[in-house]
Amino acid sequence: MVSIQENNRTFSVGLAQKLVEGAGVLPNEALHMVYPVHIGVRLLNNPTTGYTSFMLPGIVLNGLQIALLVTVTPLLSALCRRNIYGPDYSSFLLMTAKALPYWFLGLISYAVSLAGLTYLWAVPIRAQIWKLLLLGGFFIFAVIGVLYLFSAMSPDETLAVQLPLLYIMPGLLFSGLSWPLLSMRGFSKWFSSTMPITYAGDCIRDLMLAGYCPDFAYNLKMLLTVGFTAGTIAWCIFTLRRYISDKITQKMRYKQ
């Protein structure tokens, strides 16, 4: 759009300048007469229209959720299949104990990525760092909750890793980073609303480039809602599967 407008303006001004020069006016004076006020297009907070600063923060989040997918999704499925702990520990305790290390390591990876964006790719950070870390912490919490849901529904670890790919991999397209949310309709808009990266991708870009995000509090609330909702459903399924597994184990021991 920027290039089209500039090309059109250049052509129009050049043609008008030649017409005025035909009347005996010098080139510089002719240009000043037909184009006295120089008008150009500049994107706010990204005046050079750079692709790196515009897309890389969102791509970092997408890479982070893919890394969490590979490591988190086998957890609950493996516990259900192997029945390692039995009824000795509650489902909530097991889910929390398994999630905390991944949340903490994910936050460290996120912080290192932010440093890389700034020092390696010169993406500015204009917001307070605590806002970026808070957004990252909520985002990781929501992603773990969603992945727990897939893990609890999967019969084994292999399918637990494969099944969420249908949900995670289109994330970059439906997150609003490149395809604006305002242009989505129907299924696309609904599917986008279920993804944690939708509430973090645009927000991290606004924080880094503009220094503020107008929907910061709303995005945090939605990430918390997605994480709690998915985590609660995962807890129900996980608890039910553990109960069934314990009953099967008890019957097998009774027969023996």
Protein backbone atom coordinates (compact mmCIF):
# COMPACT_ATOMS: atom_id res chain seq x y z
CA MET A 1 0.00 0.00 0.00
CA VAL A 2 2.84 2.37 0.86
CA SER A 3 4.63 1.63 -2.43
CA ILE A 4 1.47 2.05 -4.52
CA GLN A 5 0.70 5.45 -3.01
CA GLU A 6 4.28 6.64 -3.45
CA ASN A 7 4.42 5.45 -7.06
CA ASN A 8 1.12 7.11 -7.88
CA ARG A 9 2.17 10.36 -6.25
CA THR A 10 5.55 10.34 -7.99
CA PHE A 11 3.93 9.79 -11.38
CA SER A 12 1.34 12.51 -10.84
CA VAL A 13 3.83 15.08 -9.59
CA GLY A 14 6.30 14.24 -12.36
CA LEU A 15 3.65 14.67 -15.05
CA ALA A 16 2.47 17.98 -13.59
CA GLN A 17 6.08 19.19 -13.33
CA LYS A 18 6.71 18.47 -17.02
CA LEU A 19 3.57 20.36 -18.00
CA VAL A 20 4.64 23.41 -15.97
CA GLU A 21 8.18 23.23 -17.38
CA GLY A 22 6.61 23.33 -20.84
CA ALA A 23 5.46 26.84 -20.01
CA GLY A 24 9.07 27.98 -19.51
CA VAL A 25 9.40 27.45 -15.74
CA LEU A 26 12.67 26.07 -14.34
CA PRO A 27 12.54 22.45 -13.01
CA ASN A 28 13.00 23.27 -9.31
CA GLU A 29 10.45 26.06 -9.40
CA ALA A 30 8.03 23.86 -11.35
CA LEU A 31 8.34 21.10 -8.74
CA HIS A 32 7.71 23.60 -5.93
CA MET A 33 4.63 24.91 -7.73
CA VAL A 34 2.98 21.50 -8.31
CA TYR A 35 4.10 19.88 -5.04
CA PRO A 36 4.55 22.61 -2.41
CA VAL A 37 3.82 20.37 0.59
CA HIS A 38 5.60 17.01 0.64
CA ILE A 39 3.19 14.32 1.85
CA GLY A 40 4.26 10.79 2.71
CA VAL A 41 2.95 7.70 4.49
CA ARG A 42 4.60 6.49 7.68
CA LEU A 43 3.41 3.64 9.89
CA LEU A 44 3.20 4.60 13.54
CA ASN A 45 5.86 2.92 15.69
CA ASN A 46 7.33 1.24 12.59
CA PRO A 47 8.34 4.11 10.28
CA THR A 48 10.69 1.96 8.20
CA THR A 49 7.94 -0.66 7.64
CA GLY A 50 10.42 -3.27 8.86
CA TYR A 51 9.24 -6.88 8.77
CA THR A 52 11.56 -7.98 11.59
CA SER A 53 10.26 -5.67 14.29
CA PHE A 54 6.67 -6.15 13.13
CA MET A 55 6.55 -9.96 13.07
CA LEU A 56 9.45 -11.38 15.09
CA PRO A 57 7.94 -10.90 18.60
CA GLY A 58 4.87 -12.91 17.58
CA ILE A 59 7.01 -15.58 15.93
CA VAL A 60 8.93 -15.93 19.20
CA LEU A 61 5.66 -16.63 21.05
CA ASN A 62 4.69 -19.18 18.43
CA GLY A 63 8.03 -20.94 18.83
CA LEU A 64 7.60 -20.92 22.60
CA GLN A 65 4.21 -22.62 22.45
CA ILE A 66 5.56 -25.24 20.04
CA ALA A 67 8.38 -25.99 22.49
CA LEU A 68 5.83 -26.34 25.29
CA LEU A 69 3.74 -28.63 23.08
CA VAL A 70 6.60 -31.09 22.65
CA THR A 71 7.42 -31.20 26.37
CA VAL A 72 4.09 -30.73 28.20
CA THR A 73 1.57 -32.77 26.20
CA PRO A 74 2.95 -36.24 27.11
CA LEU A 75 2.76 -35.58 30.87
CA LEU A 76 -0.84 -36.38 31.86
CA SER A 77 -1.23 -39.04 29.20
CA ALA A 78 1.81 -40.87 30.55
CA LEU A 79 0.52 -40.65 34.13
CA CYS A 80 -2.84 -42.09 33.09
CA ARG A 81 -1.36 -44.91 31.04
CA ARG A 82 1.29 -45.99 33.52
CA ASN A 83 -0.65 -45.20 36.70
CA ILE A 84 2.66 -44.44 38.43
CA TYR A 85 1.38 -42.70 41.58
CA GLY A 86 -1.94 -44.48 42.06
CA PRO A 87 -4.36 -42.86 44.50
CA ASP A 88 -1.62 -41.55 46.79
CA TYR A 89 -1.63 -38.03 45.34
CA SER A 90 -4.51 -35.86 44.16
CA SER A 91 -4.89 -34.99 40.49
CA PHE A 92 -4.58 -31.28 41.24
CA LEU A 93 -1.29 -31.81 43.08
CA LEU A 94 0.15 -33.90 40.26
CA MET A 95 -0.89 -31.41 37.59
CA THR A 96 0.52 -28.48 39.54
CA ALA A 97 3.79 -30.23 40.38
CA LYS A 98 4.32 -31.19 36.75
CA ALA A 99 3.39 -27.76 35.37
CA LEU A 100 5.49 -25.52 37.63
CA PRO A 101 8.94 -26.49 36.26
CA TYR A 102 7.76 -26.05 32.67
CA TRP A 103 6.15 -22.69 33.47
CA PHE A 104 9.33 -21.46 35.16
CA LEU A 105 11.67 -22.71 32.40
CA GLY A 106 9.29 -21.34 29.76
CA LEU A 107 9.43 -17.92 31.40
CA ILE A 108 13.23 -18.04 31.40
CA SER A 109 13.24 -18.97 27.70
CA TYR A 110 10.82 -16.12 27.04
CA ALA A 111 13.07 -13.62 28.85
CA VAL A 112 16.13 -14.84 26.93
CA SER A 113 14.17 -14.47 23.68
CA LEU A 114 13.30 -10.87 24.55
CA ALA A 115 16.98 -10.16 25.12
CA GLY A 116 17.78 -11.75 21.77
CA LEU A 117 15.15 -9.64 20.01
CA THR A 118 16.73 -6.49 21.38
CA TYR A 119 20.45 -7.21 21.16
CA LEU A 120 20.57 -9.42 18.06
CA TRP A 121 17.73 -8.09 15.88
CA ALA A 122 17.45 -4.52 17.24
CA VAL A 123 13.74 -4.78 18.06
CA PRO A 124 13.05 -1.96 20.54
CA ILE A 125 11.49 -2.49 23.95
CA ARG A 126 9.58 0.68 24.81
CA ALA A 127 7.37 -0.70 27.59
CA GLN A 128 8.31 -1.59 31.16
CA ILE A 129 9.94 -4.98 31.26
CA TRP A 130 7.58 -6.19 34.00
CA LYS A 131 4.64 -5.83 31.64
CA LEU A 132 6.33 -8.03 29.06
CA LEU A 133 7.23 -10.63 31.70
CA LEU A 134 3.69 -10.55 33.11
CA LEU A 135 2.25 -11.09 29.65
CA GLY A 136 4.67 -13.95 29.05
CA GLY A 137 3.80 -15.61 32.36
CA PHE A 138 0.07 -15.46 31.64
CA PHE A 139 0.63 -16.70 28.09
CA ILE A 140 2.64 -19.73 29.25
CA PHE A 141 -0.03 -20.49 31.86
CA ALA A 142 -2.75 -20.46 29.19
CA VAL A 143 -0.74 -22.61 26.79
CA ILE A 144 0.00 -25.20 29.49
CA GLY A 145 -3.71 -25.33 30.38
CA VAL A 146 -4.68 -25.97 26.76
CA LEU A 147 -1.94 -28.58 26.29
CA TYR A 148 -3.01 -30.30 29.50
CA LEU A 149 -6.47 -30.67 27.99
CA PHE A 150 -5.09 -32.39 24.90
CA SER A 151 -2.86 -34.55 27.08
CA ALA A 152 -5.73 -35.66 29.30
CA MET A 153 -7.82 -36.64 26.27
CA SER A 154 -5.07 -38.60 24.49
CA PRO A 155 -4.73 -42.37 25.03
CA ASP A 156 -0.92 -42.35 24.77
CA GLU A 157 2.06 -40.00 24.61
CA THR A 158 2.50 -40.20 20.84
CA LEU A 159 -1.03 -39.09 20.05
CA ALA A 160 -0.78 -36.48 22.81
CA VAL A 161 2.00 -34.77 20.83
CA GLN A 162 0.35 -35.22 17.43
CA LEU A 163 -3.20 -34.15 18.27
CA PRO A 164 -2.45 -30.54 19.36
CA LEU A 165 -0.57 -29.89 16.11
CA LEU A 166 -3.94 -29.32 14.41
CA TYR A 167 -4.58 -26.59 16.97
CA ILE A 168 -1.14 -25.06 17.52
CA MET A 169 0.35 -25.02 14.01
CA PRO A 170 -2.31 -22.69 12.45
CA GLY A 171 -1.75 -20.34 15.40
CA LEU A 172 0.46 -17.89 13.54
CA LEU A 173 -2.15 -17.44 10.81
CA PHE A 174 -5.19 -17.08 13.09
CA SER A 175 -3.47 -15.05 15.83
CA GLY A 176 -4.01 -11.69 14.14
CA LEU A 177 -0.29 -11.09 13.61
CA SER A 178 -0.50 -11.14 9.82
CA TRP A 179 -4.22 -11.66 9.13
CA PRO A 180 -6.03 -8.88 11.07
CA LEU A 181 -8.72 -10.00 13.51
CA LEU A 182 -11.06 -7.36 12.10
CA SER A 183 -11.05 -9.19 8.76
CA MET A 184 -11.97 -12.60 10.22
CA ARG A 185 -15.48 -13.97 10.05
CA GLY A 186 -17.33 -17.07 11.17
CA PHE A 187 -15.18 -20.06 12.06
CA SER A 188 -11.94 -18.12 11.67
CA LYS A 189 -12.96 -15.56 14.27
CA TRP A 190 -14.19 -18.24 16.69
CA PHE A 191 -11.07 -20.38 16.26
CA SER A 192 -8.87 -17.35 16.80
CA SER A 193 -10.67 -16.53 20.06
CA THR A 194 -9.72 -19.94 21.51
CA MET A 195 -5.98 -19.51 21.01
CA PRO A 196 -3.73 -17.98 23.69
CA ILE A 197 -1.43 -16.43 21.09
CA THR A 198 -4.34 -14.28 19.86
CA TYR A 199 -4.33 -12.40 23.17
CA ALA A 200 -0.53 -12.18 23.41
CA GLY A 201 0.77 -11.72 19.85
CA ASP A 202 -0.56 -8.25 19.07
CA CYS A 203 -0.08 -7.19 22.68
CA ILE A 204 3.63 -8.00 22.81
CA ARG A 205 4.13 -6.17 19.52
CA ASP A 206 2.34 -3.09 20.84
CA LEU A 207 4.35 -3.15 24.07
CA MET A 208 7.68 -3.46 22.30
CA LEU A 209 7.09 -0.99 19.47
CA ALA A 210 4.63 1.52 20.95
CA GLY A 211 5.33 1.18 24.67
CA TYR A 212 1.73 0.42 25.61
CA CYS A 213 -1.12 -1.94 24.73
CA PRO A 214 -4.65 -0.53 24.99
CA ASP A 215 -6.09 -4.01 25.69
CA PHE A 216 -3.38 -5.14 28.10
CA ALA A 217 -5.68 -5.86 31.06
CA TYR A 218 -8.28 -7.52 28.83
CA ASN A 219 -5.66 -9.77 27.24
CA LEU A 220 -4.35 -10.85 30.65
CA LYS A 221 -7.90 -11.64 31.76
CA MET A 222 -8.58 -13.70 28.64
CA LEU A 223 -5.31 -15.62 28.98
CA LEU A 224 -6.21 -16.39 32.58
CA THR A 225 -9.70 -17.48 31.52
CA VAL A 226 -8.40 -19.75 28.75
CA GLY A 227 -5.84 -21.33 31.08
CA PHE A 228 -8.29 -21.93 33.95
CA THR A 229 -11.07 -23.20 31.68
CA ALA A 230 -8.88 -25.64 29.77
CA GLY A 231 -7.05 -26.67 32.95
CA THR A 232 -10.30 -27.34 34.82
CA ILE A 233 -11.65 -29.54 32.02
CA ALA A 234 -8.29 -31.32 31.86
CA TRP A 235 -8.44 -31.89 35.63
CA CYS A 236 -11.90 -33.46 35.36
CA ILE A 237 -10.84 -35.80 32.56
CA PHE A 238 -7.55 -36.65 34.26
CA THR A 239 -9.29 -37.42 37.55
CA LEU A 240 -11.84 -39.65 35.81
CA ARG A 241 -9.16 -41.55 33.91
CA ARG A 242 -7.12 -42.08 37.06
CA TYR A 243 -10.20 -43.37 38.87
CA ILE A 244 -10.95 -45.84 36.08
CA SER A 245 -7.31 -46.90 35.94
CA ASP A 246 -7.24 -47.48 39.72
CA LYS A 247 -10.39 -49.61 39.52
CA ILE A 248 -8.93 -51.72 36.73
CA THR A 249 -5.70 -52.19 38.69
CA GLN A 250 -7.60 -53.24 41.81
CA LYS A 251 -9.63 -55.80 39.85
CA MET A 252 -6.50 -57.27 38.30
CA ARG A 253 -4.88 -57.61 41.73
CA TYR A 254 -8.06 -59.19 43.12
CA LYS A 255 -8.11 -61.79 40.32
CA GLN A 256 -4.45 -62.59 40.93
